[in-house]
Amino acid sequence: MTGSEADTLALLRQILPPVHLVLGVLLSAWTLLFLFRIVLTWYPQVDLTQGLWRVVAIPTEPLLAFTRRLIAPIGGVDVTPVIWLGLISLVRELLVGQQGLITQVMIRASVLPA
Protein backbone atom coordinates (compact mmCIF):
# COMPACT_ATOMS: atom_id res chain seq x y z
CA MET A 1 0.00 0.00 0.00
CA THR A 2 1.40 3.40 -0.97
CA GLY A 3 1.59 6.36 1.35
CA SER A 4 -1.30 8.07 -0.39
CA GLU A 5 -3.55 5.02 -0.02
CA ALA A 6 -2.60 4.69 3.64
CA ASP A 7 -3.43 8.36 4.22
CA THR A 8 -6.80 7.96 2.52
CA LEU A 9 -7.56 4.86 4.57
CA ALA A 10 -6.58 6.64 7.79
CA LEU A 11 -8.80 9.57 6.85
CA LEU A 12 -11.73 7.24 6.15
CA ARG A 13 -11.25 5.50 9.50
CA GLN A 14 -11.30 8.88 11.21
CA ILE A 15 -14.16 10.60 9.37
CA LEU A 16 -16.68 7.85 8.66
CA PRO A 17 -17.72 6.85 12.21
CA PRO A 18 -18.90 10.36 13.20
CA VAL A 19 -20.55 10.87 9.79
CA HIS A 20 -22.29 7.51 10.17
CA LEU A 21 -23.50 8.41 13.66
CA VAL A 22 -24.73 11.91 12.81
CA LEU A 23 -26.44 10.80 9.61
CA GLY A 24 -28.09 7.88 11.39
CA VAL A 25 -29.39 10.09 14.19
CA LEU A 26 -30.66 12.79 11.80
CA LEU A 27 -32.43 10.34 9.54
CA SER A 28 -33.96 8.55 12.53
CA ALA A 29 -35.18 11.85 13.99
CA TRP A 30 -36.68 12.82 10.64
CA THR A 31 -38.40 9.43 10.46
CA LEU A 32 -39.87 10.03 13.90
CA LEU A 33 -41.09 13.49 12.88
CA PHE A 34 -42.85 12.05 9.83
CA LEU A 35 -44.43 9.37 12.03
CA PHE A 36 -45.82 12.19 14.18
CA ARG A 37 -47.12 13.89 11.04
CA ILE A 38 -48.90 10.69 10.00
CA VAL A 39 -50.62 10.48 13.38
CA LEU A 40 -51.46 14.18 13.26
CA THR A 41 -53.31 13.72 9.95
CA TRP A 42 -55.93 11.89 12.04
CA TYR A 43 -56.43 15.08 14.09
CA PRO A 44 -56.98 17.93 11.62
CA GLN A 45 -58.04 20.30 14.42
CA VAL A 46 -54.45 20.42 15.78
CA ASP A 47 -52.82 23.75 14.94
CA LEU A 48 -49.23 23.01 13.94
CA THR A 49 -48.23 26.66 14.29
CA GLN A 50 -48.83 26.64 18.06
CA GLY A 51 -46.67 25.34 20.89
CA LEU A 52 -44.52 22.24 20.58
CA TRP A 53 -46.27 21.18 17.38
CA ARG A 54 -44.04 23.67 15.58
CA VAL A 55 -41.07 21.38 16.34
CA VAL A 56 -42.82 18.74 14.24
CA ALA A 57 -44.10 21.09 11.54
CA ILE A 58 -41.04 23.24 10.78
CA PRO A 59 -38.69 20.48 9.52
CA THR A 60 -41.39 18.52 7.70
CA GLU A 61 -43.76 21.05 6.17
CA PRO A 62 -41.50 22.28 3.31
CA LEU A 63 -41.18 18.73 1.95
CA LEU A 64 -44.84 17.96 2.50
CA ALA A 65 -45.99 21.22 0.84
CA PHE A 66 -43.87 20.46 -2.22
CA THR A 67 -45.13 16.88 -2.42
CA ARG A 68 -48.78 17.92 -1.96
CA ARG A 69 -48.50 19.93 -5.18
CA LEU A 70 -47.51 16.73 -7.00
CA ILE A 71 -49.72 14.17 -5.23
CA ALA A 72 -53.32 14.99 -4.43
CA PRO A 73 -55.02 13.51 -1.36
CA ILE A 74 -56.41 10.04 -1.96
CA GLY A 75 -59.98 9.76 -0.75
CA GLY A 76 -59.52 12.95 1.25
CA VAL A 77 -56.45 11.53 3.05
CA ASP A 78 -53.07 13.25 2.78
CA VAL A 79 -50.62 10.44 1.95
CA THR A 80 -47.53 12.63 1.57
CA PRO A 81 -46.17 11.94 5.10
CA VAL A 82 -46.33 8.21 4.34
CA ILE A 83 -44.42 8.74 1.10
CA TRP A 84 -41.69 10.71 2.87
CA LEU A 85 -41.51 8.21 5.71
CA GLY A 86 -40.88 5.47 3.15
CA LEU A 87 -38.27 7.50 1.26
CA ILE A 88 -36.36 8.51 4.38
CA SER A 89 -36.44 4.95 5.72
CA LEU A 90 -35.08 3.71 2.39
CA VAL A 91 -32.27 6.29 2.38
CA ARG A 92 -31.41 5.47 6.00
CA GLU A 93 -31.17 1.76 5.21
CA LEU A 94 -29.14 2.36 2.04
CA LEU A 95 -26.62 4.58 3.81
CA VAL A 96 -26.37 3.60 7.48
CA GLY A 97 -28.31 0.35 7.81
CA GLN A 98 -26.61 -2.99 8.48
CA GLN A 99 -25.88 -3.41 4.77
CA GLY A 100 -25.68 0.35 4.05
CA LEU A 101 -23.00 1.92 1.93
CA ILE A 102 -21.33 3.91 4.70
CA THR A 103 -21.52 0.93 7.06
CA GLN A 104 -19.87 -1.35 4.51
CA VAL A 105 -17.10 1.15 3.77
CA MET A 106 -16.44 1.46 7.51
CA ILE A 107 -16.26 -2.33 7.85
CA ARG A 108 -13.90 -2.68 4.90
CA ALA A 109 -11.69 0.18 6.12
CA SER A 110 -11.39 -1.42 9.55
CA VAL A 111 -10.43 -4.80 8.08
CA LEU A 112 -7.71 -3.49 5.76
CA PRO A 113 -4.22 -3.28 7.24
CA ALA A 114 -2.91 0.20 7.98
C-alpha atoms as a PDB file:
ATOM      1  CA  MET A   1       0.000   0.000   0.000  1.00  0.00           C
ATOM      2  CA  THR A   2       1.401   3.396  -0.968  1.00  0.00           C
ATOM      3  CA  GLY A   3       1.589   6.364   1.347  1.00  0.00           C
ATOM      4  CA  SER A   4      -1.302   8.070  -0.393  1.00  0.00           C
ATOM      5  CA  GLU A   5      -3.552   5.019  -0.017  1.00  0.00           C
ATOM      6  CA  ALA A   6      -2.602   4.686   3.644  1.00  0.00           C
ATOM      7  CA  ASP A   7      -3.426   8.362   4.222  1.00  0.00           C
ATOM      8  CA  THR A   8      -6.798   7.960   2.516  1.00  0.00           C
ATOM      9  CA  LEU A   9      -7.558   4.862   4.572  1.00  0.00           C
ATOM     10  CA  ALA A  10      -6.583   6.637   7.792  1.00  0.00           C
ATOM     11  CA  LEU A  11      -8.799   9.573   6.848  1.00  0.00           C
ATOM     12  CA  LEU A  12     -11.731   7.236   6.153  1.00  0.00           C
ATOM     13  CA  ARG A  13     -11.251   5.502   9.497  1.00  0.00           C
ATOM     14  CA  GLN A  14     -11.300   8.885  11.208  1.00  0.00           C
ATOM     15  CA  ILE A  15     -14.159  10.601   9.369  1.00  0.00           C
ATOM     16  CA  LEU A  16     -16.676   7.848   8.655  1.00  0.00           C
ATOM     17  CA  PRO A  17     -17.716   6.855  12.209  1.00  0.00           C
ATOM     18  CA  PRO A  18     -18.898  10.361  13.202  1.00  0.00           C
ATOM     19  CA  VAL A  19     -20.546  10.868   9.790  1.00  0.00           C
ATOM     20  CA  HIS A  20     -22.289   7.506  10.175  1.00  0.00           C
ATOM     21  CA  LEU A  21     -23.500   8.410  13.660  1.00  0.00           C
ATOM     22  CA  VAL A  22     -24.734  11.913  12.814  1.00  0.00           C
ATOM     23  CA  LEU A  23     -26.436  10.798   9.610  1.00  0.00           C
ATOM     24  CA  GLY A  24     -28.091   7.881  11.393  1.00  0.00           C
ATOM     25  CA  VAL A  25     -29.393  10.092  14.193  1.00  0.00           C
ATOM     26  CA  LEU A  26     -30.658  12.795  11.804  1.00  0.00           C
ATOM     27  CA  LEU A  27     -32.433  10.337   9.539  1.00  0.00           C
ATOM     28  CA  SER A  28     -33.963   8.552  12.532  1.00  0.00           C
ATOM     29  CA  ALA A  29     -35.177  11.851  13.986  1.00  0.00           C
ATOM     30  CA  TRP A  30     -36.685  12.825  10.645  1.00  0.00           C
ATOM     31  CA  THR A  31     -38.405   9.428  10.461  1.00  0.00           C
ATOM     32  CA  LEU A  32     -39.871  10.029  13.897  1.00  0.00           C
ATOM     33  CA  LEU A  33     -41.094  13.491  12.880  1.00  0.00           C
ATOM     34  CA  PHE A  34     -42.853  12.055   9.834  1.00  0.00           C
ATOM     35  CA  LEU A  35     -44.434   9.372  12.026  1.00  0.00           C
ATOM     36  CA  PHE A  36     -45.822  12.185  14.179  1.00  0.00           C
ATOM     37  CA  ARG A  37     -47.124  13.892  11.040  1.00  0.00           C
ATOM     38  CA  ILE A  38     -48.901  10.688   9.995  1.00  0.00           C
ATOM     39  CA  VAL A  39     -50.620  10.478  13.382  1.00  0.00           C
ATOM     40  CA  LEU A  40     -51.461  14.183  13.255  1.00  0.00           C
ATOM     41  CA  THR A  41     -53.305  13.718   9.954  1.00  0.00           C
ATOM     42  CA  TRP A  42     -55.933  11.895  12.038  1.00  0.00           C
ATOM     43  CA  TYR A  43     -56.427  15.077  14.085  1.00  0.00           C
ATOM     44  CA  PRO A  44     -56.978  17.928  11.619  1.00  0.00           C
ATOM     45  CA  GLN A  45     -58.044  20.303  14.424  1.00  0.00           C
ATOM     46  CA  VAL A  46     -54.454  20.416  15.782  1.00  0.00           C
ATOM     47  CA  ASP A  47     -52.824  23.745  14.938  1.00  0.00           C
ATOM     48  CA  LEU A  48     -49.235  23.008  13.937  1.00  0.00           C
ATOM     49  CA  THR A  49     -48.231  26.659  14.294  1.00  0.00           C
ATOM     50  CA  GLN A  50     -48.831  26.638  18.059  1.00  0.00           C
ATOM     51  CA  GLY A  51     -46.673  25.341  20.887  1.00  0.00           C
ATOM     52  CA  LEU A  52     -44.518  22.237  20.579  1.00  0.00           C
ATOM     53  CA  TRP A  53     -46.274  21.178  17.379  1.00  0.00           C
ATOM     54  CA  ARG A  54     -44.038  23.674  15.580  1.00  0.00           C
ATOM     55  CA  VAL A  55     -41.072  21.383  16.338  1.00  0.00           C
ATOM     56  CA  VAL A  56     -42.822  18.737  14.244  1.00  0.00           C
ATOM     57  CA  ALA A  57     -44.097  21.087  11.542  1.00  0.00           C
ATOM     58  CA  ILE A  58     -41.045  23.237  10.781  1.00  0.00           C
ATOM     59  CA  PRO A  59     -38.692  20.482   9.522  1.00  0.00           C
ATOM     60  CA  THR A  60     -41.395  18.517   7.702  1.00  0.00           C
ATOM     61  CA  GLU A  61     -43.764  21.055   6.166  1.00  0.00           C
ATOM     62  CA  PRO A  62     -41.499  22.277   3.314  1.00  0.00           C
ATOM     63  CA  LEU A  63     -41.177  18.731   1.950  1.00  0.00           C
ATOM     64  CA  LEU A  64     -44.842  17.964   2.497  1.00  0.00           C
ATOM     65  CA  ALA A  65     -45.992  21.216   0.842  1.00  0.00           C
ATOM     66  CA  PHE A  66     -43.871  20.457  -2.221  1.00  0.00           C
ATOM     67  CA  THR A  67     -45.130  16.881  -2.415  1.00  0.00           C
ATOM     68  CA  ARG A  68     -48.779  17.924  -1.961  1.00  0.00           C
ATOM     69  CA  ARG A  69     -48.501  19.927  -5.181  1.00  0.00           C
ATOM     70  CA  LEU A  70     -47.511  16.727  -6.997  1.00  0.00           C
ATOM     71  CA  ILE A  71     -49.725  14.175  -5.235  1.00  0.00           C
ATOM     72  CA  ALA A  72     -53.324  14.994  -4.429  1.00  0.00           C
ATOM     73  CA  PRO A  73     -55.021  13.515  -1.363  1.00  0.00           C
ATOM     74  CA  ILE A  74     -56.407  10.039  -1.965  1.00  0.00           C
ATOM     75  CA  GLY A  75     -59.981   9.756  -0.745  1.00  0.00           C
ATOM     76  CA  GLY A  76     -59.520  12.953   1.247  1.00  0.00           C
ATOM     77  CA  VAL A  77     -56.448  11.534   3.046  1.00  0.00           C
ATOM     78  CA  ASP A  78     -53.066  13.248   2.782  1.00  0.00           C
ATOM     79  CA  VAL A  79     -50.620  10.444   1.954  1.00  0.00           C
ATOM     80  CA  THR A  80     -47.526  12.628   1.575  1.00  0.00           C
ATOM     81  CA  PRO A  81     -46.169  11.937   5.102  1.00  0.00           C
ATOM     82  CA  VAL A  82     -46.332   8.207   4.341  1.00  0.00           C
ATOM     83  CA  ILE A  83     -44.420   8.741   1.098  1.00  0.00           C
ATOM     84  CA  TRP A  84     -41.690  10.715   2.867  1.00  0.00           C
ATOM     85  CA  LEU A  85     -41.513   8.206   5.708  1.00  0.00           C
ATOM     86  CA  GLY A  86     -40.877   5.467   3.150  1.00  0.00           C
ATOM     87  CA  LEU A  87     -38.273   7.497   1.263  1.00  0.00           C
ATOM     88  CA  ILE A  88     -36.359   8.511   4.378  1.00  0.00           C
ATOM     89  CA  SER A  89     -36.443   4.949   5.718  1.00  0.00           C
ATOM     90  CA  LEU A  90     -35.085   3.711   2.393  1.00  0.00           C
ATOM     91  CA  VAL A  91     -32.274   6.288   2.377  1.00  0.00           C
ATOM     92  CA  ARG A  92     -31.415   5.465   5.996  1.00  0.00           C
ATOM     93  CA  GLU A  93     -31.169   1.761   5.212  1.00  0.00           C
ATOM     94  CA  LEU A  94     -29.138   2.360   2.038  1.00  0.00           C
ATOM     95  CA  LEU A  95     -26.620   4.580   3.812  1.00  0.00           C
ATOM     96  CA  VAL A  96     -26.371   3.598   7.481  1.00  0.00           C
ATOM     97  CA  GLY A  97     -28.310   0.345   7.811  1.00  0.00           C
ATOM     98  CA  GLN A  98     -26.606  -2.990   8.475  1.00  0.00           C
ATOM     99  CA  GLN A  99     -25.878  -3.407   4.768  1.00  0.00           C
ATOM    100  CA  GLY A 100     -25.684   0.345   4.051  1.00  0.00           C
ATOM    101  CA  LEU A 101     -22.996   1.919   1.926  1.00  0.00           C
ATOM    102  CA  ILE A 102     -21.329   3.908   4.699  1.00  0.00           C
ATOM    103  CA  THR A 103     -21.520   0.929   7.059  1.00  0.00           C
ATOM    104  CA  GLN A 104     -19.871  -1.347   4.507  1.00  0.00           C
ATOM    105  CA  VAL A 105     -17.097   1.154   3.771  1.00  0.00           C
ATOM    106  CA  MET A 106     -16.440   1.458   7.512  1.00  0.00           C
ATOM    107  CA  ILE A 107     -16.255  -2.333   7.846  1.00  0.00           C
ATOM    108  CA  ARG A 108     -13.899  -2.675   4.895  1.00  0.00           C
ATOM    109  CA  ALA A 109     -11.692   0.179   6.117  1.00  0.00           C
ATOM    110  CA  SER A 110     -11.392  -1.416   9.555  1.00  0.00           C
ATOM    111  CA  VAL A 111     -10.431  -4.799   8.080  1.00  0.00           C
ATOM    112  CA  LEU A 112      -7.709  -3.487   5.759  1.00  0.00           C
ATOM    113  CA  PRO A 113      -4.222  -3.276   7.239  1.00  0.00           C
ATOM    114  CA  ALA A 114      -2.909   0.204   7.984  1.00  0.00           C
END
